[in-house]
Amino acid sequence: MKEAAGEAARGPAGEAAEQAAAEVPEEGAGGVVLPAAPGEDAYPALALANSAVALPGGHTADLLGSPALAELWLTRRDLAPAGAGLAEVCATQLRSLREQIRSLLASRAAGQPALPAAVKAVNDAMTRVPTASLLAWDEKTGPYRAAPHPTTAIVEHALAVIAADAADLLTSPDAARLTACASPPCNRFLLKHGRRQWCSTRCGDRVRAARAYARRTAE
């Protein structure tokens, strides 16, 4: 998939679009900058699960909140070429897989059985990728082979890559380090190192501030 994405983005226009995408901070709807949680760089599936974040004050930030944001998210991870032109239905598919992966990560982190529907969704995504050009039939010229709609194929390949990555994470030794951020209302997951239980410095500062406030009020 990375090779296909790279080929589609070749040329001056594609290179310029890639450079522009690399210079744009990763933001969700509303312009909230979201720092990567520990483990996201190694596992795109973890990054997908963390692409919708609950923020203080009842706010949320969604990196997949629009087709343009979803395309940028995929482009940054070499899962789609710049200028692919994702439609809302494609962004919806990506958000749907996100919820299923979040369900699996939550089950693994809590040591609970996974929902069968979530397991099926990941397996379906891995096996839905077109492996060959399809047979088509033109009324005038007759039969021919053709690839599926380019954008649809890009999304299906991206979903397959992410689903396979989720399966790799859940069955790897790293799964033992999987935990939910311990700084409410944050809903992100991370691979913990040592005693750290939060996904970012921002969340850690919030935990420490809450503890300090609790000590002051208890005195």
Protein backbone atom coordinates (compact mmCIF):
# COMPACT_ATOMS: atom_id res chain seq x y z
CA MET A 1 0.00 0.00 0.00
CA LYS A 2 2.84 2.39 0.83
CA GLU A 3 4.31 1.78 -2.63
CA ALA A 4 0.96 2.46 -4.32
CA ALA A 5 0.51 5.64 -2.34
CA GLY A 6 4.02 6.78 -3.17
CA GLU A 7 3.55 6.18 -6.91
CA ALA A 8 0.29 8.12 -6.96
CA ALA A 9 1.93 11.09 -5.25
CA ARG A 10 4.94 11.36 -7.62
CA GLY A 11 5.58 14.48 -9.65
CA PRO A 12 5.98 18.13 -8.65
CA ALA A 13 2.37 18.56 -7.56
CA GLY A 14 2.41 15.39 -5.46
CA GLU A 15 5.74 16.26 -3.85
CA ALA A 16 4.56 19.77 -3.03
CA ALA A 17 1.38 18.41 -1.46
CA GLU A 18 3.37 15.94 0.63
CA GLN A 19 5.69 18.69 1.85
CA ALA A 20 2.75 20.92 2.75
CA ALA A 21 1.11 18.09 4.67
CA ALA A 22 4.32 17.43 6.62
CA GLU A 23 4.51 21.07 7.69
CA VAL A 24 0.95 21.22 9.04
CA PRO A 25 0.62 20.38 12.78
CA GLU A 26 -1.62 17.39 13.42
CA GLU A 27 -4.84 18.94 14.62
CA GLY A 28 -8.40 17.87 15.21
CA ALA A 29 -11.59 19.78 14.55
CA GLY A 30 -11.30 23.06 16.41
CA GLY A 31 -7.53 23.32 15.92
CA VAL A 32 -6.51 21.35 19.03
CA VAL A 33 -2.97 19.98 18.66
CA LEU A 34 -2.75 16.37 19.76
CA PRO A 35 0.71 15.09 20.81
CA ALA A 36 1.34 11.43 20.06
CA ALA A 37 0.83 9.01 22.93
CA PRO A 38 3.61 6.50 23.74
CA GLY A 39 3.37 3.64 21.25
CA GLU A 40 1.63 5.51 18.45
CA ASP A 41 4.78 5.80 16.35
CA ALA A 42 5.19 2.01 16.37
CA TYR A 43 1.51 1.11 15.94
CA PRO A 44 -0.74 3.01 13.49
CA ALA A 45 -3.71 1.16 14.98
CA LEU A 46 -2.99 2.80 18.34
CA ALA A 47 -2.78 6.17 16.62
CA LEU A 48 -6.14 5.52 14.97
CA ALA A 49 -7.72 4.57 18.29
CA ASN A 50 -6.41 7.82 19.76
CA SER A 51 -7.57 10.02 16.89
CA ALA A 52 -10.68 11.17 18.78
CA VAL A 53 -9.85 12.68 22.16
CA ALA A 54 -12.06 13.75 25.04
CA LEU A 55 -10.89 17.10 26.42
CA PRO A 56 -11.63 18.98 29.65
CA GLY A 57 -14.86 20.95 29.66
CA GLY A 58 -16.78 18.37 27.67
CA HIS A 59 -14.97 19.16 24.43
CA THR A 60 -13.63 16.66 21.88
CA ALA A 61 -11.01 16.80 19.14
CA ASP A 62 -11.37 14.48 16.15
CA LEU A 63 -8.50 14.04 13.70
CA LEU A 64 -10.94 12.26 11.36
CA GLY A 65 -13.75 14.74 11.75
CA SER A 66 -13.98 15.51 8.03
CA PRO A 67 -12.85 13.84 4.79
CA ALA A 68 -10.00 16.37 4.51
CA LEU A 69 -8.78 15.64 8.04
CA ALA A 70 -9.08 11.88 7.48
CA GLU A 71 -7.07 12.16 4.27
CA LEU A 72 -4.37 14.19 6.03
CA TRP A 73 -4.22 11.59 8.81
CA LEU A 74 -3.72 8.80 6.26
CA THR A 75 -1.21 10.81 4.22
CA ARG A 76 0.97 11.49 7.26
CA ARG A 77 1.27 7.73 7.75
CA ASP A 78 1.93 6.88 4.10
CA LEU A 79 -1.45 5.17 3.85
CA ALA A 80 -2.83 7.46 1.14
CA PRO A 81 -1.38 9.85 -1.43
CA ALA A 82 -1.85 13.57 -1.03
CA GLY A 83 -4.82 14.75 -3.05
CA ALA A 84 -6.58 11.38 -3.02
CA GLY A 85 -9.93 13.09 -2.64
CA LEU A 86 -11.49 11.02 0.12
CA ALA A 87 -15.28 11.20 0.33
CA GLU A 88 -17.34 11.26 3.52
CA VAL A 89 -18.17 7.57 3.12
CA CYS A 90 -14.42 6.80 3.26
CA ALA A 91 -13.94 8.91 6.39
CA THR A 92 -16.94 7.14 7.93
CA GLN A 93 -15.33 3.74 7.26
CA LEU A 94 -12.16 4.89 8.97
CA ARG A 95 -14.07 6.20 12.00
CA SER A 96 -16.04 2.96 12.19
CA LEU A 97 -12.87 0.85 12.29
CA ARG A 98 -11.54 3.22 14.95
CA GLU A 99 -14.44 2.41 17.27
CA GLN A 100 -13.97 -1.33 16.79
CA ILE A 101 -10.23 -1.12 17.49
CA ARG A 102 -10.91 1.03 20.55
CA SER A 103 -13.25 -1.68 21.80
CA LEU A 104 -10.55 -4.33 21.35
CA LEU A 105 -7.88 -2.24 23.05
CA ALA A 106 -10.18 -1.54 25.99
CA SER A 107 -10.93 -5.25 26.34
CA ARG A 108 -7.24 -6.16 26.24
CA ALA A 109 -6.26 -3.43 28.71
CA ALA A 110 -9.00 -4.51 31.13
CA GLY A 111 -8.33 -8.22 30.70
CA GLN A 112 -11.89 -8.79 29.52
CA PRO A 113 -13.25 -10.84 26.58
CA ALA A 114 -13.52 -8.92 23.33
CA LEU A 115 -16.82 -8.21 21.64
CA PRO A 116 -17.24 -10.67 18.73
CA ALA A 117 -18.42 -7.83 16.49
CA ALA A 118 -15.16 -5.96 17.05
CA VAL A 119 -13.07 -9.03 16.22
CA LYS A 120 -15.14 -9.61 13.08
CA ALA A 121 -14.75 -5.99 11.99
CA VAL A 122 -10.95 -6.21 12.18
CA ASN A 123 -10.87 -9.54 10.36
CA ASP A 124 -13.23 -8.25 7.67
CA ALA A 125 -11.02 -5.22 7.10
CA MET A 126 -7.96 -7.44 6.69
CA THR A 127 -9.63 -9.75 4.15
CA ARG A 128 -11.55 -7.16 2.08
CA VAL A 129 -8.54 -5.84 0.19
CA PRO A 130 -8.73 -6.41 -3.60
CA THR A 131 -6.01 -8.85 -4.63
CA ALA A 132 -6.52 -8.56 -8.40
CA SER A 133 -8.12 -6.36 -11.03
CA LEU A 134 -11.76 -7.23 -11.52
CA LEU A 135 -13.58 -8.50 -14.59
CA ALA A 136 -15.72 -5.89 -16.34
CA TRP A 137 -17.76 -6.03 -19.55
CA ASP A 138 -18.23 -3.17 -21.97
CA GLU A 139 -21.27 -3.39 -24.25
CA LYS A 140 -19.23 -2.44 -27.31
CA THR A 141 -15.71 -3.73 -26.69
CA GLY A 142 -16.45 -6.74 -24.53
CA PRO A 143 -14.65 -8.07 -21.43
CA TYR A 144 -11.68 -6.39 -19.81
CA ARG A 145 -9.89 -6.23 -16.48
CA ALA A 146 -10.02 -3.09 -14.33
CA ALA A 147 -8.93 -2.07 -10.85
CA PRO A 148 -11.61 -0.94 -8.39
CA HIS A 149 -12.32 2.77 -7.94
CA PRO A 150 -8.95 4.27 -6.96
CA THR A 151 -10.14 6.10 -3.85
CA THR A 152 -12.10 3.09 -2.63
CA ALA A 153 -9.05 0.86 -3.16
CA ILE A 154 -6.84 3.31 -1.25
CA VAL A 155 -9.17 3.30 1.74
CA GLU A 156 -9.62 -0.46 1.72
CA HIS A 157 -5.86 -0.97 1.67
CA ALA A 158 -5.43 1.54 4.49
CA LEU A 159 -8.10 -0.17 6.56
CA ALA A 160 -6.42 -3.54 5.94
CA VAL A 161 -3.00 -2.23 7.01
CA ILE A 162 -4.42 -0.69 10.19
CA ALA A 163 -6.49 -3.77 11.02
CA ALA A 164 -3.46 -6.03 10.59
CA ASP A 165 -1.46 -3.67 12.79
CA ALA A 166 -4.16 -3.88 15.48
CA ALA A 167 -3.97 -7.67 15.35
CA ASP A 168 -0.17 -7.48 15.63
CA LEU A 169 -0.38 -5.18 18.65
CA LEU A 170 -2.98 -7.26 20.46
CA THR A 171 -1.01 -10.48 20.02
CA SER A 172 2.45 -9.03 20.72
CA PRO A 173 4.36 -8.74 24.02
CA ASP A 174 3.64 -5.00 23.85
CA ALA A 175 -0.01 -5.74 24.60
CA ALA A 176 0.96 -6.30 28.23
CA ARG A 177 1.94 -2.59 28.39
CA LEU A 178 -1.33 -1.39 26.90
CA THR A 179 -3.30 0.83 29.25
CA ALA A 180 -5.80 3.68 29.24
CA CYS A 181 -4.66 7.17 30.15
CA ALA A 182 -5.20 7.75 33.88
CA SER A 183 -5.97 11.44 33.51
CA PRO A 184 -9.73 12.02 33.18
CA PRO A 185 -11.42 12.91 30.91
CA CYS A 186 -8.75 11.73 28.45
CA ASN A 187 -9.81 8.57 26.65
CA ARG A 188 -6.57 7.70 24.88
CA PHE A 189 -4.54 4.50 25.11
CA LEU A 190 -0.77 4.18 25.45
CA LEU A 191 2.00 1.68 25.89
CA LYS A 192 3.21 2.46 29.38
CA HIS A 193 6.85 2.71 30.40
CA GLY A 194 7.60 2.23 34.07
CA ARG A 195 5.02 3.85 36.32
CA ARG A 196 3.81 6.40 33.80
CA GLN A 197 0.06 6.06 33.36
CA TRP A 198 -0.78 9.06 31.19
CA CYS A 199 -0.50 9.68 27.48
CA SER A 200 1.11 13.14 27.43
CA THR A 201 2.79 15.80 29.53
CA ARG A 202 -0.45 17.74 29.42
CA CYS A 203 -2.35 14.85 31.00
CA GLY A 204 0.43 14.28 33.54
CA ASP A 205 0.34 17.92 34.58
CA ARG A 206 -3.41 17.68 35.04
CA VAL A 207 -3.00 14.65 37.31
CA ARG A 208 -0.34 16.35 39.40
CA ALA A 209 -2.43 19.52 39.68
CA ALA A 210 -5.42 17.50 40.84
CA ARG A 211 -3.32 15.72 43.45
CA ALA A 212 -1.89 19.02 44.73
CA TYR A 213 -5.37 20.50 44.97
CA ALA A 214 -6.61 17.45 46.87
CA ARG A 215 -3.74 17.77 49.36
CA ARG A 216 -4.42 21.47 49.91
CA THR A 217 -8.13 20.98 50.51
CA ALA A 218 -7.44 18.09 52.91
CA GLU A 219 -5.24 20.22 55.16
